[in-house]
């Protein structure tokens, strides 16, 4: 009997606001723009891309492209997405 496995998708495990904040905080600590875009994409999928598209006024295609591993979201996209998910970026001293 063979073991059937499924790909792991973190979006399926981000259930609470605290989990989302911790996940994104860890991504921002990496200081890797591609990883941050990927992490935002994961959170966006957990939130619901269709709903996020309605809330931001951005197309689903734009969201998928911008928030992928190869994505490079503009500051405008970043702020719209974060605001729609009830989040904001803050600045603190290193």
N, C-alpha and C. Protein backbone atom coordinates (compact mmCIF):
# COMPACT_ATOMS: atom_id res chain seq x y z
N UNK A 1 0.84 -1.16 0.00
CA UNK A 1 0.00 0.00 0.00
C UNK A 1 0.90 1.24 0.00
N UNK A 2 0.65 2.14 -0.94
CA UNK A 2 1.46 3.35 -1.03
C UNK A 2 0.84 4.47 -0.20
N UNK A 3 1.70 5.32 0.25
CA UNK A 3 1.28 6.45 1.07
C UNK A 3 0.96 7.63 0.15
N UNK A 4 -0.23 8.17 0.27
CA UNK A 4 -0.62 9.32 -0.54
C UNK A 4 -0.38 10.59 0.26
N UNK A 5 0.34 11.53 -0.34
CA UNK A 5 0.63 12.79 0.33
C UNK A 5 0.07 13.95 -0.48
N UNK A 6 -0.10 15.05 0.18
CA UNK A 6 -0.59 16.27 -0.46
C UNK A 6 0.42 17.37 -0.19
N UNK A 7 0.56 18.29 -1.13
CA UNK A 7 1.48 19.42 -0.89
C UNK A 7 1.01 20.25 0.30
N UNK A 8 1.98 20.71 1.10
CA UNK A 8 1.66 21.56 2.24
C UNK A 8 1.38 22.97 1.75
N UNK A 9 0.31 23.56 2.23
CA UNK A 9 -0.03 24.95 1.90
C UNK A 9 -0.31 25.69 3.20
N UNK A 10 0.58 26.59 3.55
CA UNK A 10 0.45 27.34 4.80
C UNK A 10 -0.86 28.12 4.87
N UNK A 11 -1.41 28.50 3.72
CA UNK A 11 -2.67 29.26 3.70
C UNK A 11 -3.79 28.50 4.40
N UNK A 12 -3.72 27.18 4.39
CA UNK A 12 -4.75 26.37 5.05
C UNK A 12 -4.61 26.36 6.57
N UNK A 13 -3.50 26.90 7.08
CA UNK A 13 -3.23 26.84 8.51
C UNK A 13 -3.21 28.20 9.20
N UNK A 14 -3.48 29.25 8.45
CA UNK A 14 -3.54 30.60 9.03
C UNK A 14 -4.98 30.92 9.37
N UNK A 15 -5.39 30.55 10.56
CA UNK A 15 -6.78 30.67 10.97
C UNK A 15 -7.07 31.91 11.80
N UNK A 16 -6.09 32.36 12.57
CA UNK A 16 -6.34 33.48 13.47
C UNK A 16 -5.51 34.70 13.07
N UNK A 17 -5.91 35.84 13.56
CA UNK A 17 -5.17 37.08 13.31
C UNK A 17 -3.75 36.98 13.86
N UNK A 18 -3.60 36.37 15.02
CA UNK A 18 -2.27 36.21 15.62
C UNK A 18 -1.37 35.36 14.74
N UNK A 19 -1.90 34.29 14.17
CA UNK A 19 -1.11 33.43 13.28
C UNK A 19 -0.67 34.20 12.04
N UNK A 20 -1.56 35.01 11.49
CA UNK A 20 -1.23 35.81 10.31
C UNK A 20 -0.14 36.83 10.65
N UNK A 21 -0.30 37.53 11.75
CA UNK A 21 0.68 38.54 12.16
C UNK A 21 2.04 37.90 12.42
N UNK A 22 2.07 36.78 13.11
CA UNK A 22 3.34 36.10 13.39
C UNK A 22 4.00 35.63 12.10
N UNK A 23 3.22 35.09 11.18
CA UNK A 23 3.74 34.61 9.91
C UNK A 23 4.35 35.76 9.10
N UNK A 24 3.62 36.87 8.98
CA UNK A 24 4.13 38.01 8.22
C UNK A 24 5.31 38.68 8.92
N UNK A 25 5.27 38.76 10.23
CA UNK A 25 6.39 39.35 10.97
C UNK A 25 7.67 38.57 10.71
N UNK A 26 7.57 37.26 10.73
CA UNK A 26 8.74 36.42 10.45
C UNK A 26 9.23 36.64 9.02
N UNK A 27 8.31 36.80 8.08
CA UNK A 27 8.70 37.03 6.68
C UNK A 27 9.43 38.36 6.54
N UNK A 28 8.94 39.41 7.19
CA UNK A 28 9.59 40.71 7.10
C UNK A 28 10.96 40.70 7.77
N UNK A 29 11.15 39.87 8.78
CA UNK A 29 12.45 39.77 9.44
C UNK A 29 13.50 39.17 8.52
N UNK A 30 13.09 38.39 7.53
CA UNK A 30 14.03 37.80 6.58
C UNK A 30 14.65 38.84 5.66
N UNK A 31 13.98 39.98 5.50
CA UNK A 31 14.45 41.08 4.66
C UNK A 31 14.71 40.65 3.22
N UNK A 32 13.91 39.71 2.74
CA UNK A 32 14.00 39.23 1.36
C UNK A 32 12.70 39.60 0.65
N UNK A 33 12.75 40.57 -0.26
CA UNK A 33 11.52 41.04 -0.92
C UNK A 33 10.71 39.92 -1.58
N UNK A 34 11.38 38.95 -2.19
CA UNK A 34 10.67 37.85 -2.84
C UNK A 34 9.93 37.00 -1.80
N UNK A 35 10.57 36.77 -0.67
CA UNK A 35 9.93 35.97 0.38
C UNK A 35 8.76 36.73 1.01
N UNK A 36 8.91 38.04 1.17
CA UNK A 36 7.83 38.86 1.71
C UNK A 36 6.63 38.82 0.76
N UNK A 37 6.88 38.96 -0.54
CA UNK A 37 5.80 38.89 -1.53
C UNK A 37 5.12 37.53 -1.47
N UNK A 38 5.91 36.47 -1.36
CA UNK A 38 5.36 35.12 -1.25
C UNK A 38 4.49 34.99 0.00
N UNK A 39 4.99 35.47 1.13
CA UNK A 39 4.25 35.37 2.39
C UNK A 39 2.94 36.15 2.30
N UNK A 40 2.98 37.33 1.70
CA UNK A 40 1.74 38.09 1.50
C UNK A 40 0.77 37.32 0.62
N UNK A 41 1.30 36.63 -0.38
CA UNK A 41 0.45 35.80 -1.24
C UNK A 41 -0.21 34.67 -0.47
N UNK A 42 0.53 34.07 0.44
CA UNK A 42 -0.02 32.99 1.27
C UNK A 42 -1.16 33.54 2.13
N UNK A 43 -0.92 34.68 2.76
CA UNK A 43 -1.95 35.29 3.60
C UNK A 43 -3.15 35.72 2.76
N UNK A 44 -2.88 36.23 1.57
CA UNK A 44 -3.97 36.64 0.67
C UNK A 44 -4.84 35.44 0.30
N UNK A 45 -4.21 34.29 0.03
CA UNK A 45 -5.00 33.08 -0.28
C UNK A 45 -5.81 32.64 0.93
N UNK A 46 -5.22 32.76 2.12
CA UNK A 46 -5.96 32.41 3.34
C UNK A 46 -7.14 33.35 3.54
N UNK A 47 -6.97 34.61 3.18
CA UNK A 47 -8.02 35.62 3.30
C UNK A 47 -9.09 35.43 2.23
N UNK A 48 -8.65 34.99 1.05
CA UNK A 48 -9.55 34.80 -0.08
C UNK A 48 -9.22 35.80 -1.18
N UNK A 49 -8.62 35.33 -2.26
CA UNK A 49 -8.19 36.23 -3.34
C UNK A 49 -9.37 36.98 -3.95
N UNK A 50 -10.48 36.32 -4.16
CA UNK A 50 -11.64 37.00 -4.75
C UNK A 50 -12.13 38.14 -3.87
N UNK A 51 -12.23 37.88 -2.58
CA UNK A 51 -12.66 38.91 -1.64
C UNK A 51 -11.64 40.04 -1.59
N UNK A 52 -10.38 39.69 -1.58
CA UNK A 52 -9.32 40.70 -1.55
C UNK A 52 -9.35 41.55 -2.82
N UNK A 53 -9.64 40.94 -3.94
CA UNK A 53 -9.75 41.67 -5.20
C UNK A 53 -10.86 42.72 -5.11
N UNK A 54 -12.00 42.34 -4.56
CA UNK A 54 -13.11 43.28 -4.40
C UNK A 54 -12.74 44.42 -3.45
N UNK A 55 -12.05 44.09 -2.36
CA UNK A 55 -11.73 45.09 -1.35
C UNK A 55 -10.64 46.05 -1.78
N UNK A 56 -9.73 45.60 -2.65
CA UNK A 56 -8.60 46.44 -3.07
C UNK A 56 -8.83 47.13 -4.41
N UNK A 57 -9.75 46.59 -5.22
CA UNK A 57 -9.94 47.12 -6.56
C UNK A 57 -8.90 46.60 -7.54
N UNK A 58 -8.08 45.65 -7.11
CA UNK A 58 -7.07 45.03 -7.97
C UNK A 58 -7.62 43.73 -8.53
N UNK A 59 -7.23 43.39 -9.74
CA UNK A 59 -7.71 42.14 -10.33
C UNK A 59 -7.07 40.94 -9.63
N UNK A 60 -7.74 39.82 -9.71
CA UNK A 60 -7.18 38.59 -9.15
C UNK A 60 -5.83 38.28 -9.79
N UNK A 61 -5.74 38.48 -11.10
CA UNK A 61 -4.49 38.21 -11.81
C UNK A 61 -3.36 39.08 -11.28
N UNK A 62 -3.65 40.36 -11.04
CA UNK A 62 -2.64 41.27 -10.49
C UNK A 62 -2.20 40.80 -9.12
N UNK A 63 -3.15 40.39 -8.30
CA UNK A 63 -2.81 39.90 -6.96
C UNK A 63 -1.95 38.64 -7.03
N UNK A 64 -2.36 37.67 -7.84
CA UNK A 64 -1.58 36.44 -7.97
C UNK A 64 -0.16 36.73 -8.46
N UNK A 65 -0.05 37.61 -9.46
CA UNK A 65 1.26 37.93 -10.03
C UNK A 65 2.13 38.68 -9.04
N UNK A 66 1.57 39.72 -8.43
CA UNK A 66 2.34 40.56 -7.50
C UNK A 66 2.75 39.82 -6.25
N UNK A 67 1.90 38.93 -5.79
CA UNK A 67 2.13 38.25 -4.51
C UNK A 67 2.64 36.82 -4.69
N UNK A 68 3.42 36.61 -5.74
CA UNK A 68 4.01 35.30 -5.99
C UNK A 68 5.49 35.34 -5.61
N UNK A 69 6.16 34.19 -5.71
CA UNK A 69 7.59 34.13 -5.41
C UNK A 69 8.39 35.07 -6.30
N UNK A 70 7.95 35.24 -7.53
CA UNK A 70 8.65 36.12 -8.47
C UNK A 70 8.06 37.52 -8.49
N UNK A 71 7.05 37.75 -7.70
CA UNK A 71 6.36 39.03 -7.69
C UNK A 71 7.19 40.15 -7.10
N UNK A 72 6.81 41.34 -7.46
CA UNK A 72 7.46 42.53 -6.92
C UNK A 72 6.37 43.59 -6.75
N UNK A 73 5.56 43.45 -5.69
CA UNK A 73 4.43 44.36 -5.54
C UNK A 73 4.88 45.79 -5.32
N UNK A 74 4.13 46.71 -5.90
CA UNK A 74 4.42 48.12 -5.67
C UNK A 74 4.01 48.46 -4.24
N UNK A 75 4.49 49.59 -3.78
CA UNK A 75 4.11 50.04 -2.44
C UNK A 75 2.60 50.24 -2.37
N UNK A 76 2.02 50.72 -3.45
CA UNK A 76 0.57 50.92 -3.52
C UNK A 76 -0.17 49.60 -3.35
N UNK A 77 0.28 48.57 -4.05
CA UNK A 77 -0.34 47.24 -3.93
C UNK A 77 -0.18 46.72 -2.51
N UNK A 78 1.02 46.85 -1.98
CA UNK A 78 1.29 46.37 -0.62
C UNK A 78 0.36 47.02 0.39
N UNK A 79 0.22 48.35 0.31
CA UNK A 79 -0.63 49.03 1.30
C UNK A 79 -2.10 48.68 1.11
N UNK A 80 -2.56 48.56 -0.13
CA UNK A 80 -3.96 48.18 -0.37
C UNK A 80 -4.25 46.79 0.18
N UNK A 81 -3.35 45.85 -0.07
CA UNK A 81 -3.55 44.47 0.38
C UNK A 81 -3.53 44.42 1.90
N UNK A 82 -2.54 45.06 2.51
CA UNK A 82 -2.44 45.03 3.97
C UNK A 82 -3.68 45.66 4.61
N UNK A 83 -4.12 46.80 4.08
CA UNK A 83 -5.30 47.48 4.63
C UNK A 83 -6.54 46.60 4.50
N UNK A 84 -6.71 45.97 3.35
CA UNK A 84 -7.89 45.12 3.12
C UNK A 84 -7.91 43.93 4.07
N UNK A 85 -6.72 43.49 4.50
CA UNK A 85 -6.65 42.35 5.43
C UNK A 85 -6.63 42.81 6.89
N UNK A 86 -6.82 44.13 7.09
CA UNK A 86 -6.85 44.65 8.46
C UNK A 86 -5.48 44.72 9.10
N UNK A 87 -4.45 44.88 8.29
CA UNK A 87 -3.07 44.93 8.78
C UNK A 87 -2.42 46.23 8.36
N UNK A 88 -1.30 46.57 8.98
CA UNK A 88 -0.50 47.71 8.55
C UNK A 88 0.96 47.44 8.87
N UNK A 89 1.81 48.09 8.13
CA UNK A 89 3.24 47.99 8.32
C UNK A 89 3.64 49.10 9.27
N UNK A 90 4.47 48.78 10.25
CA UNK A 90 4.96 49.80 11.17
C UNK A 90 6.49 49.83 11.09
N UNK A 91 7.05 50.93 11.55
CA UNK A 91 8.49 51.12 11.53
C UNK A 91 8.99 51.18 12.96
N UNK A 92 10.13 50.53 13.18
CA UNK A 92 10.77 50.58 14.49
C UNK A 92 12.27 50.56 14.28
N UNK A 93 13.02 50.95 15.28
CA UNK A 93 14.47 50.95 15.14
C UNK A 93 14.98 49.51 15.10
N UNK A 94 16.07 49.34 14.36
CA UNK A 94 16.70 48.01 14.27
C UNK A 94 17.50 47.79 15.51
